[in-house]
Amino acid sequence: SKDKHPCTWDTSCCGHVDSGETYDIAAAREFQ
């Protein structure tokens, strides 16, 4: 159901940084 590159292998965890968020906060949020 992903809009970009569905059904392909990717890094263990990945995601966007939301507006106003830091990279570090986004990493923890996406992992969870």
Full PDB file with SEQRES, HELIX, SHEET, SSBOND, CRYST1, ORIGX, SCALE, CONECT and MASTER records, all heavy atoms in Angstrom:
SEQRES   1 A   32  SER LYS ASP LYS HIS PRO CYS THR TRP ASP THR SER CYS          
SEQRES   2 A   32  CYS GLY HIS VAL ASP SER GLY GLU THR TYR ASP ILE ALA          
SEQRES   3 A   32  ALA ALA ARG GLU PHE GLN                                      
HELIX    1 AA1 TYR A   23  PHE A   31  1                                   9    
CRYST1    1.000    1.000    1.000  90.00  90.00  90.00 P 1           1          
ORIGX1      1.000000  0.000000  0.000000        0.00000                         
ORIGX2      0.000000  1.000000  0.000000        0.00000                         
ORIGX3      0.000000  0.000000  1.000000        0.00000                         
SCALE1      1.000000  0.000000  0.000000        0.00000                         
SCALE2      0.000000  1.000000  0.000000        0.00000                         
SCALE3      0.000000  0.000000  1.000000        0.00000                         
ATOM      1  N   SER A   1       0.805  -1.224   0.000  1.00  0.00           N  
ATOM      2  CA  SER A   1       0.000   0.000   0.000  1.00  0.00           C  
ATOM      3  C   SER A   1       0.839   1.276   0.000  1.00  0.00           C  
ATOM      4  O   SER A   1       0.279   2.373  -0.047  1.00  0.00           O  
ATOM      5  CB  SER A   1      -0.933   0.002   1.213  1.00  0.00           C  
ATOM      6  OG  SER A   1      -0.174   0.050   2.409  1.00  0.00           O  
ATOM      7  N   LYS A   2       2.176   1.169   0.031  1.00  0.00           N  
ATOM      8  CA  LYS A   2       3.037   2.359   0.050  1.00  0.00           C  
ATOM      9  C   LYS A   2       2.943   3.095  -1.288  1.00  0.00           C  
ATOM     10  O   LYS A   2       2.855   2.474  -2.341  1.00  0.00           O  
ATOM     11  CB  LYS A   2       4.492   1.974   0.320  1.00  0.00           C  
ATOM     12  CG  LYS A   2       4.733   1.317   1.666  1.00  0.00           C  
ATOM     13  CD  LYS A   2       4.477   2.225   2.821  1.00  0.00           C  
ATOM     14  CE  LYS A   2       5.721   2.936   3.222  1.00  0.00           C  
ATOM     15  NZ  LYS A   2       5.526   3.826   4.365  1.00  0.00           N  
ATOM     16  N   ASP A   3       2.981   4.444  -1.228  1.00  0.00           N  
ATOM     17  CA  ASP A   3       2.888   5.225  -2.461  1.00  0.00           C  
ATOM     18  C   ASP A   3       4.207   5.269  -3.222  1.00  0.00           C  
ATOM     19  O   ASP A   3       4.220   5.492  -4.425  1.00  0.00           O  
ATOM     20  CB  ASP A   3       2.357   6.644  -2.184  1.00  0.00           C  
ATOM     21  CG  ASP A   3       3.272   7.482  -1.316  1.00  0.00           C  
ATOM     22  OD1 ASP A   3       4.048   6.919  -0.522  1.00  0.00           O  
ATOM     23  OD2 ASP A   3       3.199   8.720  -1.409  1.00  0.00           O  
ATOM     24  N   LYS A   4       5.317   5.064  -2.547  1.00  0.00           N  
ATOM     25  CA  LYS A   4       6.636   5.041  -3.184  1.00  0.00           C  
ATOM     26  C   LYS A   4       7.271   3.669  -2.979  1.00  0.00           C  
ATOM     27  O   LYS A   4       7.358   3.178  -1.859  1.00  0.00           O  
ATOM     28  CB  LYS A   4       7.556   6.109  -2.584  1.00  0.00           C  
ATOM     29  CG  LYS A   4       7.076   7.536  -2.750  1.00  0.00           C  
ATOM     30  CD  LYS A   4       7.380   8.037  -4.119  1.00  0.00           C  
ATOM     31  CE  LYS A   4       7.017   9.501  -4.243  1.00  0.00           C  
ATOM     32  NZ  LYS A   4       7.395  10.061  -5.491  1.00  0.00           N  
ATOM     33  N   HIS A   5       7.673   3.030  -4.045  1.00  0.00           N  
ATOM     34  CA  HIS A   5       8.411   1.765  -4.038  1.00  0.00           C  
ATOM     35  C   HIS A   5       7.745   0.657  -3.221  1.00  0.00           C  
ATOM     36  O   HIS A   5       8.383   0.037  -2.359  1.00  0.00           O  
ATOM     37  CB  HIS A   5       9.846   2.001  -3.561  1.00  0.00           C  
ATOM     38  CG  HIS A   5      10.487   3.168  -4.225  1.00  0.00           C  
ATOM     39  ND1 HIS A   5      10.805   3.174  -5.565  1.00  0.00           N  
ATOM     40  CD2 HIS A   5      10.821   4.393  -3.745  1.00  0.00           C  
ATOM     41  CE1 HIS A   5      11.332   4.351  -5.883  1.00  0.00           C  
ATOM     42  NE2 HIS A   5      11.337   5.103  -4.801  1.00  0.00           N  
ATOM     43  N   PRO A   6       6.461   0.387  -3.481  1.00  0.00           N  
ATOM     44  CA  PRO A   6       5.808  -0.708  -2.754  1.00  0.00           C  
ATOM     45  C   PRO A   6       6.448  -2.050  -3.109  1.00  0.00           C  
ATOM     46  O   PRO A   6       7.015  -2.214  -4.192  1.00  0.00           O  
ATOM     47  CB  PRO A   6       4.357  -0.644  -3.248  1.00  0.00           C  
ATOM     48  CG  PRO A   6       4.452  -0.008  -4.605  1.00  0.00           C  
ATOM     49  CD  PRO A   6       5.596   0.960  -4.513  1.00  0.00           C  
ATOM     50  N   CYS A   7       6.365  -2.989  -2.188  1.00  0.00           N  
ATOM     51  CA  CYS A   7       6.828  -4.368  -2.397  1.00  0.00           C  
ATOM     52  C   CYS A   7       8.302  -4.458  -2.789  1.00  0.00           C  
ATOM     53  O   CYS A   7       8.696  -5.323  -3.579  1.00  0.00           O  
ATOM     54  CB  CYS A   7       5.961  -5.080  -3.438  1.00  0.00           C  
ATOM     55  SG  CYS A   7       4.221  -5.138  -3.004  1.00  0.00           S  
ATOM     56  N   THR A   8       9.122  -3.554  -2.253  1.00  0.00           N  
ATOM     57  CA  THR A   8      10.566  -3.632  -2.449  1.00  0.00           C  
ATOM     58  C   THR A   8      11.235  -3.668  -1.088  1.00  0.00           C  
ATOM     59  O   THR A   8      10.683  -3.191  -0.096  1.00  0.00           O  
ATOM     60  CB  THR A   8      11.107  -2.431  -3.262  1.00  0.00           C  
ATOM     61  OG1 THR A   8      10.766  -1.212  -2.598  1.00  0.00           O  
ATOM     62  CG2 THR A   8      10.558  -2.423  -4.683  1.00  0.00           C  
ATOM     63  N   TRP A   9      12.432  -4.238  -1.056  1.00  0.00           N  
ATOM     64  CA  TRP A   9      13.205  -4.301   0.179  1.00  0.00           C  
ATOM     65  C   TRP A   9      13.843  -2.961   0.444  1.00  0.00           C  
ATOM     66  O   TRP A   9      14.326  -2.295  -0.469  1.00  0.00           O  
ATOM     67  CB  TRP A   9      14.264  -5.407   0.096  1.00  0.00           C  
ATOM     68  CG  TRP A   9      13.651  -6.766   0.067  1.00  0.00           C  
ATOM     69  CD1 TRP A   9      13.491  -7.580  -1.010  1.00  0.00           C  
ATOM     70  CD2 TRP A   9      13.087  -7.471   1.174  1.00  0.00           C  
ATOM     71  NE1 TRP A   9      12.854  -8.734  -0.648  1.00  0.00           N  
ATOM     72  CE2 TRP A   9      12.596  -8.700   0.699  1.00  0.00           C  
ATOM     73  CE3 TRP A   9      12.944  -7.174   2.534  1.00  0.00           C  
ATOM     74  CZ2 TRP A   9      11.986  -9.640   1.524  1.00  0.00           C  
ATOM     75  CZ3 TRP A   9      12.340  -8.108   3.355  1.00  0.00           C  
ATOM     76  CH2 TRP A   9      11.864  -9.330   2.847  1.00  0.00           C  
ATOM     77  N   ASP A  10      13.861  -2.566   1.706  1.00  0.00           N  
ATOM     78  CA  ASP A  10      14.388  -1.260   2.091  1.00  0.00           C  
ATOM     79  C   ASP A  10      15.161  -1.405   3.402  1.00  0.00           C  
ATOM     80  O   ASP A  10      15.217  -2.483   3.980  1.00  0.00           O  
ATOM     81  CB  ASP A  10      13.221  -0.266   2.249  1.00  0.00           C  
ATOM     82  CG  ASP A  10      13.627   1.180   2.000  1.00  0.00           C  
ATOM     83  OD1 ASP A  10      14.835   1.487   1.992  1.00  0.00           O  
ATOM     84  OD2 ASP A  10      12.721   2.019   1.836  1.00  0.00           O  
ATOM     85  N   THR A  11      15.720  -0.282   3.853  1.00  0.00           N  
ATOM     86  CA  THR A  11      16.455  -0.295   5.110  1.00  0.00           C  
ATOM     87  C   THR A  11      15.547  -0.813   6.221  1.00  0.00           C  
ATOM     88  O   THR A  11      14.324  -0.853   6.085  1.00  0.00           O  
ATOM     89  CB  THR A  11      16.978   1.104   5.476  1.00  0.00           C  
ATOM     90  OG1 THR A  11      15.919   2.035   5.404  1.00  0.00           O  
ATOM     91  CG2 THR A  11      18.101   1.540   4.569  1.00  0.00           C  
ATOM     92  N   SER A  12      16.154  -1.170   7.329  1.00  0.00           N  
ATOM     93  CA  SER A  12      15.425  -1.759   8.453  1.00  0.00           C  
ATOM     94  C   SER A  12      14.241  -0.912   8.877  1.00  0.00           C  
ATOM     95  O   SER A  12      13.167  -1.415   9.188  1.00  0.00           O  
ATOM     96  CB  SER A  12      16.356  -1.903   9.659  1.00  0.00           C  
ATOM     97  OG  SER A  12      17.589  -2.470   9.313  1.00  0.00           O  
ATOM     98  N   CYS A  13      14.451   0.389   8.888  1.00  0.00           N  
ATOM     99  CA  CYS A  13      13.428   1.338   9.299  1.00  0.00           C  
ATOM    100  C   CYS A  13      13.706   2.647   8.585  1.00  0.00           C  
ATOM    101  O   CYS A  13      14.860   3.070   8.495  1.00  0.00           O  
ATOM    102  CB  CYS A  13      13.500   1.523  10.814  1.00  0.00           C  
ATOM    103  SG  CYS A  13      12.370   2.760  11.465  1.00  0.00           S  
ATOM    104  N   CYS A  14      12.676   3.266   8.066  1.00  0.00           N  
ATOM    105  CA  CYS A  14      12.871   4.549   7.391  1.00  0.00           C  
ATOM    106  C   CYS A  14      11.571   5.332   7.420  1.00  0.00           C  
ATOM    107  O   CYS A  14      10.489   4.760   7.494  1.00  0.00           O  
ATOM    108  CB  CYS A  14      13.346   4.355   5.957  1.00  0.00           C  
ATOM    109  SG  CYS A  14      12.320   3.264   4.953  1.00  0.00           S  
ATOM    110  N   GLY A  15      11.712   6.642   7.368  1.00  0.00           N  
ATOM    111  CA  GLY A  15      10.518   7.467   7.367  1.00  0.00           C  
ATOM    112  C   GLY A  15      10.857   8.936   7.292  1.00  0.00           C  
ATOM    113  O   GLY A  15      12.020   9.341   7.383  1.00  0.00           O  
ATOM    114  N   HIS A  16       9.839   9.716   7.113  1.00  0.00           N  
ATOM    115  CA  HIS A  16       9.981  11.158   6.981  1.00  0.00           C  
ATOM    116  C   HIS A  16      10.124  11.852   8.327  1.00  0.00           C  
ATOM    117  O   HIS A  16       9.617  11.367   9.337  1.00  0.00           O  
ATOM    118  CB  HIS A  16       8.759  11.739   6.258  1.00  0.00           C  
ATOM    119  CG  HIS A  16       8.681  11.338   4.827  1.00  0.00           C  
ATOM    120  ND1 HIS A  16       7.903  10.296   4.407  1.00  0.00           N  
ATOM    121  CD2 HIS A  16       9.294  11.838   3.727  1.00  0.00           C  
ATOM    122  CE1 HIS A  16       8.024  10.170   3.087  1.00  0.00           C  
ATOM    123  NE2 HIS A  16       8.877  11.084   2.655  1.00  0.00           N  
ATOM    124  N   VAL A  17      10.781  12.982   8.281  1.00  0.00           N  
ATOM    125  CA  VAL A  17      10.864  13.874   9.436  1.00  0.00           C  
ATOM    126  C   VAL A  17       9.673  14.817   9.314  1.00  0.00           C  
ATOM    127  O   VAL A  17       9.522  15.507   8.295  1.00  0.00           O  
ATOM    128  CB  VAL A  17      12.197  14.659   9.438  1.00  0.00           C  
ATOM    129  CG1 VAL A  17      12.238  15.642  10.596  1.00  0.00           C  
ATOM    130  CG2 VAL A  17      13.383  13.703   9.474  1.00  0.00           C  
ATOM    131  N   ASP A  18       8.813  14.823  10.300  1.00  0.00           N  
ATOM    132  CA  ASP A  18       7.643  15.700  10.274  1.00  0.00           C  
ATOM    133  C   ASP A  18       8.053  17.155  10.481  1.00  0.00           C  
ATOM    134  O   ASP A  18       9.117  17.447  11.042  1.00  0.00           O  
ATOM    135  CB  ASP A  18       6.640  15.293  11.354  1.00  0.00           C  
ATOM    136  CG  ASP A  18       5.940  13.983  11.038  1.00  0.00           C  
ATOM    137  OD1 ASP A  18       5.889  13.575   9.865  1.00  0.00           O  
ATOM    138  OD2 ASP A  18       5.432  13.354  11.994  1.00  0.00           O  
ATOM    139  N   SER A  19       7.198  18.061  10.061  1.00  0.00           N  
ATOM    140  CA  SER A  19       7.470  19.489  10.210  1.00  0.00           C  
ATOM    141  C   SER A  19       7.754  19.839  11.664  1.00  0.00           C  
ATOM    142  O   SER A  19       7.017  19.436  12.563  1.00  0.00           O  
ATOM    143  CB  SER A  19       6.278  20.304   9.703  1.00  0.00           C  
ATOM    144  OG  SER A  19       6.552  21.685   9.797  1.00  0.00           O  
ATOM    145  N   GLY A  20       8.868  20.532  11.895  1.00  0.00           N  
ATOM    146  CA  GLY A  20       9.240  20.956  13.231  1.00  0.00           C  
ATOM    147  C   GLY A  20       9.962  19.904  14.051  1.00  0.00           C  
ATOM    148  O   GLY A  20      10.396  20.173  15.168  1.00  0.00           O  
ATOM    149  N   GLU A  21      10.116  18.718  13.522  1.00  0.00           N  
ATOM    150  CA  GLU A  21      10.737  17.606  14.233  1.00  0.00           C  
ATOM    151  C   GLU A  21      12.242  17.563  13.917  1.00  0.00           C  
ATOM    152  O   GLU A  21      12.667  17.966  12.846  1.00  0.00           O  
ATOM    153  CB  GLU A  21      10.070  16.314  13.732  1.00  0.00           C  
ATOM    154  CG  GLU A  21      10.204  15.110  14.581  1.00  0.00           C  
ATOM    155  CD  GLU A  21       9.352  13.952  14.066  1.00  0.00           C  
ATOM    156  OE1 GLU A  21       9.255  13.741  12.834  1.00  0.00           O  
ATOM    157  OE2 GLU A  21       8.789  13.235  14.902  1.00  0.00           O  
ATOM    158  N   THR A  22      13.045  17.041  14.836  1.00  0.00           N  
ATOM    159  CA  THR A  22      14.471  16.836  14.565  1.00  0.00           C  
ATOM    160  C   THR A  22      14.668  15.455  13.949  1.00  0.00           C  
ATOM    161  O   THR A  22      13.797  14.579  14.059  1.00  0.00           O  
ATOM    162  CB  THR A  22      15.306  16.918  15.856  1.00  0.00           C  
ATOM    163  OG1 THR A  22      14.946  15.815  16.699  1.00  0.00           O  
ATOM    164  CG2 THR A  22      15.107  18.250  16.577  1.00  0.00           C  
ATOM    165  N   TYR A  23      15.820  15.252  13.333  1.00  0.00           N  
ATOM    166  CA  TYR A  23      16.144  13.931  12.793  1.00  0.00           C  
ATOM    167  C   TYR A  23      16.146  12.882  13.897  1.00  0.00           C  
ATOM    168  O   TYR A  23      15.621  11.781  13.714  1.00  0.00           O  
ATOM    169  CB  TYR A  23      17.516  13.964  12.104  1.00  0.00           C  
ATOM    170  CG  TYR A  23      17.526  14.652  10.750  1.00  0.00           C  
ATOM    171  CD1 TYR A  23      17.971  15.962  10.624  1.00  0.00           C  
ATOM    172  CD2 TYR A  23      17.126  13.980   9.596  1.00  0.00           C  
ATOM    173  CE1 TYR A  23      18.006  16.590   9.379  1.00  0.00           C  
ATOM    174  CE2 TYR A  23      17.158  14.596   8.350  1.00  0.00           C  
ATOM    175  CZ  TYR A  23      17.593  15.901   8.250  1.00  0.00           C  
ATOM    176  OH  TYR A  23      17.626  16.512   7.017  1.00  0.00           O  
ATOM    177  N   ASP A  24      16.746  13.197  15.054  1.00  0.00           N  
ATOM    178  CA  ASP A  24      16.829  12.223  16.150  1.00  0.00           C  
ATOM    179  C   ASP A  24      15.453  11.817  16.665  1.00  0.00           C  
ATOM    180  O   ASP A  24      15.197  10.630  16.911  1.00  0.00           O  
ATOM    181  CB  ASP A  24      17.661  12.778  17.308  1.00  0.00           C  
ATOM    182  CG  ASP A  24      19.151  12.873  16.991  1.00  0.00           C  
ATOM    183  OD1 ASP A  24      19.599  12.333  15.951  1.00  0.00           O  
ATOM    184  OD2 ASP A  24      19.865  13.500  17.792  1.00  0.00           O  
ATOM    185  N   ILE A  25      14.572  12.782  16.824  1.00  0.00           N  
ATOM    186  CA  ILE A  25      13.206  12.481  17.292  1.00  0.00           C  
ATOM    187  C   ILE A  25      12.473  11.632  16.252  1.00  0.00           C  
ATOM    188  O   ILE A  25      11.786  10.662  16.587  1.00  0.00           O  
ATOM    189  CB  ILE A  25      12.419  13.779  17.595  1.00  0.00           C  
ATOM    190  CG1 ILE A  25      13.068  14.557  18.733  1.00  0.00           C  
ATOM    191  CG2 ILE A  25      10.952  13.488  17.869  1.00  0.00           C  
ATOM    192  CD1 ILE A  25      13.028  13.865  20.082  1.00  0.00           C  
ATOM    193  N   ALA A  26      12.650  11.976  14.979  1.00  0.00           N  
ATOM    194  CA  ALA A  26      11.998  11.214  13.910  1.00  0.00           C  
ATOM    195  C   ALA A  26      12.494   9.768  13.884  1.00  0.00           C  
ATOM    196  O   ALA A  26      11.708   8.839  13.667  1.00  0.00           O  
ATOM    197  CB  ALA A  26      12.231  11.879  12.559  1.00  0.00           C  
ATOM    198  N   ALA A  27      13.797   9.564  14.113  1.00  0.00           N  
ATOM    199  CA  ALA A  27      14.345   8.206  14.105  1.00  0.00           C  
ATOM    200  C   ALA A  27      13.684   7.351  15.184  1.00  0.00           C  
ATOM    201  O   ALA A  27      13.258   6.218  14.921  1.00  0.00           O  
ATOM    202  CB  ALA A  27      15.857   8.245  14.290  1.00  0.00           C  
ATOM    203  N   ALA A  28      13.589   7.876  16.385  1.00  0.00           N  
ATOM    204  CA  ALA A  28      12.961   7.124  17.476  1.00  0.00           C  
ATOM    205  C   ALA A  28      11.482   6.872  17.188  1.00  0.00           C  
ATOM    206  O   ALA A  28      10.973   5.762  17.410  1.00  0.00           O  
ATOM    207  CB  ALA A  28      13.134   7.878  18.793  1.00  0.00           C  
ATOM    208  N   ARG A  29      10.782   7.889  16.698  1.00  0.00           N  
ATOM    209  CA  ARG A  29       9.350   7.739  16.400  1.00  0.00           C  
ATOM    210  C   ARG A  29       9.123   6.697  15.307  1.00  0.00           C  
ATOM    211  O   ARG A  29       8.277   5.796  15.442  1.00  0.00           O  
ATOM    212  CB  ARG A  29       8.756   9.090  15.974  1.00  0.00           C  
ATOM    213  CG  ARG A  29       7.275   9.010  15.584  1.00  0.00           C  
ATOM    214  CD  ARG A  29       6.719  10.337  15.076  1.00  0.00           C  
ATOM    215  NE  ARG A  29       7.497  10.971  14.039  1.00  0.00           N  
ATOM    216  CZ  ARG A  29       7.526  10.584  12.745  1.00  0.00           C  
ATOM    217  NH1 ARG A  29       6.826   9.524  12.349  1.00  0.00           N  
ATOM    218  NH2 ARG A  29       8.252  11.244  11.865  1.00  0.00           N  
ATOM    219  N   GLU A  30       9.880   6.799  14.215  1.00  0.00           N  
ATOM    220  CA  GLU A  30       9.706   5.861  13.104  1.00  0.00           C  
ATOM    221  C   GLU A  30      10.038   4.425  13.525  1.00  0.00           C  
ATOM    222  O   GLU A  30       9.344   3.488  13.138  1.00  0.00           O  
ATOM    223  CB  GLU A  30      10.568   6.274  11.900  1.00  0.00           C  
ATOM    224  CG  GLU A  30      10.052   7.488  11.161  1.00  0.00           C  
ATOM    225  CD  GLU A  30       8.755   7.237  10.399  1.00  0.00           C  
ATOM    226  OE1 GLU A  30       8.371   6.068  10.166  1.00  0.00           O  
ATOM    227  OE2 GLU A  30       8.110   8.236  10.016  1.00  0.00           O  
ATOM    228  N   PHE A  31      11.092   4.268  14.311  1.00  0.00           N  
ATOM    229  CA  PHE A  31      11.459   2.933  14.781  1.00  0.00           C  
ATOM    230  C   PHE A  31      10.305   2.325  15.580  1.00  0.00           C  
ATOM    231  O   PHE A  31       9.931   1.166  15.377  1.00  0.00           O  
ATOM    232  CB  PHE A  31      12.734   3.011  15.636  1.00  0.00           C  
ATOM    233  CG  PHE A  31      13.408   1.687  15.847  1.00  0.00           C  
ATOM    234  CD1 PHE A  31      14.386   1.244  14.973  1.00  0.00           C  
ATOM    235  CD2 PHE A  31      13.061   0.888  16.923  1.00  0.00           C  
ATOM    236  CE1 PHE A  31      15.015   0.018  15.174  1.00  0.00           C  
ATOM    237  CE2 PHE A  31      13.685  -0.336  17.129  1.00  0.00           C  
ATOM    238  CZ  PHE A  31      14.663  -0.774  16.252  1.00  0.00           C  
ATOM    239  N   GLN A  32       9.741   3.121  16.478  1.00  0.00           N  
ATOM    240  CA  GLN A  32       8.620   2.645  17.294  1.00  0.00           C  
ATOM    241  C   GLN A  32       7.405   2.343  16.424  1.00  0.00           C  
ATOM    242  O   GLN A  32       6.774   1.286  16.574  1.00  0.00           O  
ATOM    243  CB  GLN A  32       8.264   3.685  18.363  1.00  0.00           C  
ATOM    244  CG  GLN A  32       7.210   3.225  19.342  1.00  0.00           C  
ATOM    245  CD  GLN A  32       7.698   2.087  20.220  1.00  0.00           C  
ATOM    246  OE1 GLN A  32       8.778   2.146  20.783  1.00  0.00           O  
ATOM    247  NE2 GLN A  32       6.910   1.042  20.345  1.00  0.00           N  
TER     248      GLN A  32                                                      
MASTER        0    0    0    1    0    0    0    6  247    1    0    3          
END                                                                             
